């Protein structure tokens, strides 16, 4: 009996390689943002990614979102000096919470 299931990426690892590159870029950007934020704010950054021209920073709670948002203009300057310019806005989001069930 012939195997009728097709490989996930058609026998090519290009899809996995592209996904791995995107994950590595996001990890590198997250580390850079965590390091450059002042006053211990970096410890509250969960992730940082690029969405088109914008930089989206995800924080662990709403309590820190305003502080990170306030540091956004300075963050753009610092990233530009490090060779990672942000053409758009710095957007701050709070990590989604899991719903608790009783």
N, C-alpha and C. Protein backbone atom coordinates (compact mmCIF):
# COMPACT_ATOMS: atom_id res chain seq x y z
N UNK A 1 0.84 -1.17 0.00
CA UNK A 1 0.00 0.00 0.00
C UNK A 1 0.89 1.24 0.00
N UNK A 2 0.64 2.14 -0.91
CA UNK A 2 1.44 3.35 -1.04
C UNK A 2 1.08 4.35 0.05
N UNK A 3 2.07 5.06 0.51
CA UNK A 3 1.86 6.09 1.53
C UNK A 3 1.24 7.31 0.86
N UNK A 4 0.02 7.65 1.20
CA UNK A 4 -0.68 8.76 0.57
C UNK A 4 -0.49 10.09 1.30
N UNK A 5 0.19 10.08 2.42
CA UNK A 5 0.43 11.31 3.15
C UNK A 5 1.59 12.07 2.52
N UNK A 6 1.42 13.37 2.36
CA UNK A 6 2.46 14.19 1.77
C UNK A 6 3.32 14.78 2.89
N UNK A 7 4.60 14.96 2.62
CA UNK A 7 5.44 15.61 3.63
C UNK A 7 4.94 17.02 3.92
N UNK A 8 5.15 17.48 5.13
CA UNK A 8 4.66 18.78 5.57
C UNK A 8 5.14 19.92 4.67
N UNK A 9 6.40 19.92 4.29
CA UNK A 9 6.95 20.98 3.46
C UNK A 9 7.36 20.46 2.09
N UNK A 10 6.71 19.45 1.59
CA UNK A 10 7.00 18.94 0.26
C UNK A 10 8.39 18.37 0.12
N UNK A 11 8.95 17.84 1.18
CA UNK A 11 10.29 17.25 1.11
C UNK A 11 11.40 18.28 1.19
N UNK A 12 11.05 19.53 1.37
CA UNK A 12 12.05 20.59 1.42
C UNK A 12 12.10 21.18 2.82
N UNK A 13 13.28 21.52 3.27
CA UNK A 13 13.44 22.13 4.58
C UNK A 13 13.40 23.65 4.53
N UNK A 14 13.07 24.20 3.34
CA UNK A 14 13.08 25.66 3.21
C UNK A 14 12.10 26.33 4.17
N UNK A 15 10.93 25.74 4.35
CA UNK A 15 9.95 26.32 5.27
C UNK A 15 10.45 26.33 6.70
N UNK A 16 11.07 25.24 7.10
CA UNK A 16 11.62 25.18 8.46
C UNK A 16 12.79 26.13 8.63
N UNK A 17 13.63 26.24 7.62
CA UNK A 17 14.77 27.15 7.70
C UNK A 17 14.30 28.59 7.81
N UNK A 18 13.28 28.95 7.04
CA UNK A 18 12.76 30.31 7.09
C UNK A 18 12.14 30.60 8.46
N UNK A 19 11.42 29.64 8.99
CA UNK A 19 10.83 29.79 10.32
C UNK A 19 11.91 29.92 11.38
N UNK A 20 12.97 29.14 11.27
CA UNK A 20 14.08 29.22 12.23
C UNK A 20 14.77 30.58 12.16
N UNK A 21 14.93 31.13 10.96
CA UNK A 21 15.55 32.45 10.81
C UNK A 21 14.69 33.54 11.45
N UNK A 22 13.38 33.46 11.24
CA UNK A 22 12.48 34.45 11.83
C UNK A 22 12.49 34.36 13.35
N UNK A 23 12.54 33.14 13.89
CA UNK A 23 12.58 32.96 15.34
C UNK A 23 13.88 33.51 15.91
N UNK A 24 15.00 33.27 15.22
CA UNK A 24 16.29 33.78 15.68
C UNK A 24 16.32 35.30 15.64
N UNK A 25 15.73 35.89 14.61
CA UNK A 25 15.69 37.35 14.51
C UNK A 25 14.85 37.94 15.64
N UNK A 26 13.72 37.32 15.94
CA UNK A 26 12.87 37.80 17.03
C UNK A 26 13.58 37.67 18.37
N UNK A 27 14.30 36.58 18.57
CA UNK A 27 15.04 36.37 19.82
C UNK A 27 16.14 37.41 19.97
N UNK A 28 16.84 37.68 18.89
CA UNK A 28 17.91 38.68 18.92
C UNK A 28 17.36 40.07 19.21
N UNK A 29 16.25 40.43 18.57
CA UNK A 29 15.64 41.73 18.79
C UNK A 29 15.12 41.85 20.22
N UNK A 30 14.52 40.78 20.73
CA UNK A 30 14.03 40.79 22.11
C UNK A 30 15.17 41.04 23.10
N UNK A 31 16.27 40.35 22.90
CA UNK A 31 17.43 40.52 23.78
C UNK A 31 17.96 41.95 23.71
N UNK A 32 18.00 42.51 22.51
CA UNK A 32 18.48 43.88 22.33
C UNK A 32 17.56 44.87 23.05
N UNK A 33 16.27 44.71 22.90
CA UNK A 33 15.31 45.61 23.55
C UNK A 33 15.41 45.47 25.06
N UNK A 34 15.48 44.26 25.57
CA UNK A 34 15.61 44.05 27.02
C UNK A 34 16.85 44.74 27.56
N UNK A 35 17.94 44.64 26.84
CA UNK A 35 19.21 45.22 27.29
C UNK A 35 19.19 46.74 27.26
N UNK A 36 18.49 47.33 26.29
CA UNK A 36 18.53 48.78 26.10
C UNK A 36 17.50 49.56 26.92
N UNK A 37 16.49 48.89 27.44
CA UNK A 37 15.49 49.60 28.24
C UNK A 37 16.09 49.99 29.59
N UNK A 38 15.79 51.19 30.08
CA UNK A 38 16.37 51.66 31.34
C UNK A 38 15.66 51.12 32.56
N UNK A 39 16.35 51.18 33.69
CA UNK A 39 15.77 50.95 35.00
C UNK A 39 15.10 49.61 35.24
N UNK A 40 15.63 48.56 34.69
CA UNK A 40 15.08 47.24 34.95
C UNK A 40 13.80 46.92 34.18
N UNK A 41 13.40 47.80 33.25
CA UNK A 41 12.20 47.53 32.47
C UNK A 41 12.37 46.32 31.55
N UNK A 42 13.58 46.06 31.14
CA UNK A 42 13.84 44.94 30.24
C UNK A 42 13.42 43.60 30.81
N UNK A 43 13.43 43.49 32.13
CA UNK A 43 13.03 42.23 32.76
C UNK A 43 11.56 41.93 32.54
N UNK A 44 10.79 42.92 32.17
CA UNK A 44 9.35 42.73 31.96
C UNK A 44 8.98 42.56 30.49
N UNK A 45 9.97 42.56 29.62
CA UNK A 45 9.72 42.36 28.19
C UNK A 45 9.70 40.87 27.91
N UNK A 46 8.60 40.40 27.35
CA UNK A 46 8.45 38.99 27.00
C UNK A 46 8.99 38.74 25.60
N UNK A 47 8.71 39.66 24.68
CA UNK A 47 9.12 39.49 23.30
C UNK A 47 9.12 40.83 22.59
N UNK A 48 9.89 40.92 21.52
CA UNK A 48 9.88 42.09 20.65
C UNK A 48 9.97 41.58 19.22
N UNK A 49 9.08 42.07 18.38
CA UNK A 49 9.04 41.65 16.98
C UNK A 49 8.78 42.85 16.09
N UNK A 50 9.10 42.70 14.83
CA UNK A 50 8.79 43.73 13.84
C UNK A 50 7.51 43.34 13.12
N UNK A 51 6.62 44.30 12.97
CA UNK A 51 5.40 44.14 12.18
C UNK A 51 5.39 45.28 11.18
N UNK A 52 5.73 44.95 9.95
CA UNK A 52 5.91 45.95 8.91
C UNK A 52 6.99 46.93 9.37
N UNK A 53 6.66 48.23 9.49
CA UNK A 53 7.66 49.22 9.91
C UNK A 53 7.68 49.43 11.42
N UNK A 54 6.74 48.82 12.12
CA UNK A 54 6.62 49.04 13.57
C UNK A 54 7.42 48.02 14.37
N UNK A 55 7.74 48.43 15.59
CA UNK A 55 8.34 47.53 16.57
C UNK A 55 7.27 47.25 17.61
N UNK A 56 6.94 45.98 17.82
CA UNK A 56 5.93 45.60 18.81
C UNK A 56 6.66 44.95 19.98
N UNK A 57 6.49 45.55 21.15
CA UNK A 57 7.10 45.04 22.37
C UNK A 57 5.99 44.46 23.24
N UNK A 58 6.15 43.21 23.64
CA UNK A 58 5.15 42.54 24.46
C UNK A 58 5.70 42.46 25.88
N UNK A 59 4.91 42.98 26.84
CA UNK A 59 5.33 43.00 28.23
C UNK A 59 4.49 42.03 29.05
N UNK A 60 4.97 41.72 30.26
CA UNK A 60 4.32 40.70 31.07
C UNK A 60 3.09 41.18 31.84
N UNK A 61 2.92 42.48 32.02
CA UNK A 61 1.71 42.97 32.70
C UNK A 61 1.43 44.41 32.29
N UNK A 62 0.17 44.79 32.49
CA UNK A 62 -0.26 46.15 32.14
C UNK A 62 0.45 47.20 32.98
N UNK A 63 0.88 46.82 34.17
CA UNK A 63 1.56 47.75 35.06
C UNK A 63 2.85 48.31 34.44
N UNK A 64 3.47 47.53 33.57
CA UNK A 64 4.73 47.96 32.96
C UNK A 64 4.56 48.52 31.56
N UNK A 65 3.40 48.35 30.97
CA UNK A 65 3.19 48.77 29.59
C UNK A 65 3.39 50.27 29.40
N UNK A 66 2.85 51.08 30.29
CA UNK A 66 2.98 52.53 30.16
C UNK A 66 4.44 52.97 30.25
N UNK A 67 5.18 52.37 31.16
CA UNK A 67 6.59 52.74 31.32
C UNK A 67 7.41 52.38 30.07
N UNK A 68 7.14 51.21 29.52
CA UNK A 68 7.86 50.80 28.31
C UNK A 68 7.44 51.68 27.15
N UNK A 69 6.14 52.02 27.06
CA UNK A 69 5.66 52.90 26.00
C UNK A 69 6.33 54.27 26.10
N UNK A 70 6.48 54.77 27.31
CA UNK A 70 7.13 56.06 27.52
C UNK A 70 8.59 56.03 27.06
N UNK A 71 9.24 54.90 27.17
CA UNK A 71 10.63 54.75 26.75
C UNK A 71 10.76 54.51 25.24
N UNK A 72 9.64 54.43 24.53
CA UNK A 72 9.64 54.11 23.09
C UNK A 72 10.49 55.03 22.22
N UNK A 73 10.35 56.36 22.32
CA UNK A 73 11.17 57.23 21.48
C UNK A 73 12.67 57.05 21.70
N UNK A 74 13.06 56.90 22.94
CA UNK A 74 14.48 56.66 23.25
C UNK A 74 14.92 55.30 22.69
N UNK A 75 14.03 54.31 22.77
CA UNK A 75 14.33 52.97 22.25
C UNK A 75 14.58 53.03 20.75
N UNK A 76 13.79 53.82 20.03
CA UNK A 76 13.99 53.96 18.58
C UNK A 76 15.38 54.52 18.28
N UNK A 77 15.80 55.53 19.05
CA UNK A 77 17.12 56.12 18.85
C UNK A 77 18.23 55.11 19.12
N UNK A 78 18.08 54.36 20.21
CA UNK A 78 19.11 53.39 20.58
C UNK A 78 19.20 52.26 19.56
N UNK A 79 18.07 51.78 19.08
CA UNK A 79 18.09 50.71 18.08
C UNK A 79 18.70 51.21 16.77
N UNK A 80 18.42 52.46 16.41
CA UNK A 80 19.01 53.02 15.20
C UNK A 80 20.53 53.10 15.32
N UNK A 81 21.02 53.46 16.50
CA UNK A 81 22.46 53.54 16.70
C UNK A 81 23.12 52.16 16.68
N UNK A 82 22.32 51.11 16.93
CA UNK A 82 22.83 49.74 16.91
C UNK A 82 22.64 49.07 15.54
N UNK A 83 22.14 49.83 14.58
CA UNK A 83 21.95 49.28 13.24
C UNK A 83 20.63 48.56 13.04
N UNK A 84 19.67 48.80 13.93
CA UNK A 84 18.33 48.19 13.85
C UNK A 84 17.27 49.28 13.86
N UNK A 85 17.25 50.15 12.83
CA UNK A 85 16.31 51.27 12.85
C UNK A 85 14.85 50.83 12.78
N UNK A 86 14.00 51.62 13.40
CA UNK A 86 12.56 51.39 13.38
C UNK A 86 11.94 52.57 12.64
N UNK A 87 11.37 52.31 11.46
CA UNK A 87 10.80 53.38 10.65
C UNK A 87 9.42 53.81 11.15
N UNK A 88 8.68 52.89 11.74
CA UNK A 88 7.32 53.18 12.20
C UNK A 88 7.27 53.51 13.67
N UNK A 89 6.21 53.06 14.30
CA UNK A 89 5.96 53.34 15.71
C UNK A 89 6.47 52.21 16.59
N UNK A 90 6.66 52.54 17.86
CA UNK A 90 6.91 51.52 18.87
C UNK A 90 5.57 51.26 19.55
N UNK A 91 5.10 50.04 19.43
CA UNK A 91 3.81 49.66 20.01
C UNK A 91 4.07 48.70 21.17
N UNK A 92 3.33 48.87 22.24
CA UNK A 92 3.50 48.02 23.42
C UNK A 92 2.20 47.27 23.65
N UNK A 93 2.31 45.98 23.81
CA UNK A 93 1.16 45.12 24.07
C UNK A 93 1.40 44.32 25.35
N UNK A 94 0.33 43.96 26.01
CA UNK A 94 0.41 43.13 27.21
C UNK A 94 0.16 41.69 26.79
N UNK A 95 1.00 40.80 27.27
CA UNK A 95 0.86 39.38 26.97
C UNK A 95 -0.53 38.92 27.38
N UNK A 96 -1.16 38.12 26.51
CA UNK A 96 -2.49 37.61 26.79
C UNK A 96 -2.47 36.69 28.00
N UNK A 97 -3.50 36.75 28.75
CA UNK A 97 -3.61 35.90 29.94
C UNK A 97 -4.45 34.68 29.59
N UNK A 98 -4.10 33.58 30.21
CA UNK A 98 -4.89 32.36 30.04
C UNK A 98 -6.16 32.49 30.88
N UNK A 99 -7.24 31.99 30.34
CA UNK A 99 -8.49 32.01 31.09
C UNK A 99 -8.46 30.90 32.13
N UNK A 100 -8.88 31.25 33.33
CA UNK A 100 -8.92 30.26 34.41
C UNK A 100 -10.32 29.65 34.44
N UNK A 101 -10.35 28.36 34.58
CA UNK A 101 -11.65 27.69 34.69
C UNK A 101 -11.83 27.17 36.10
N UNK A 102 -13.03 27.24 36.56
CA UNK A 102 -13.31 26.81 37.94
C UNK A 102 -13.42 25.31 38.04
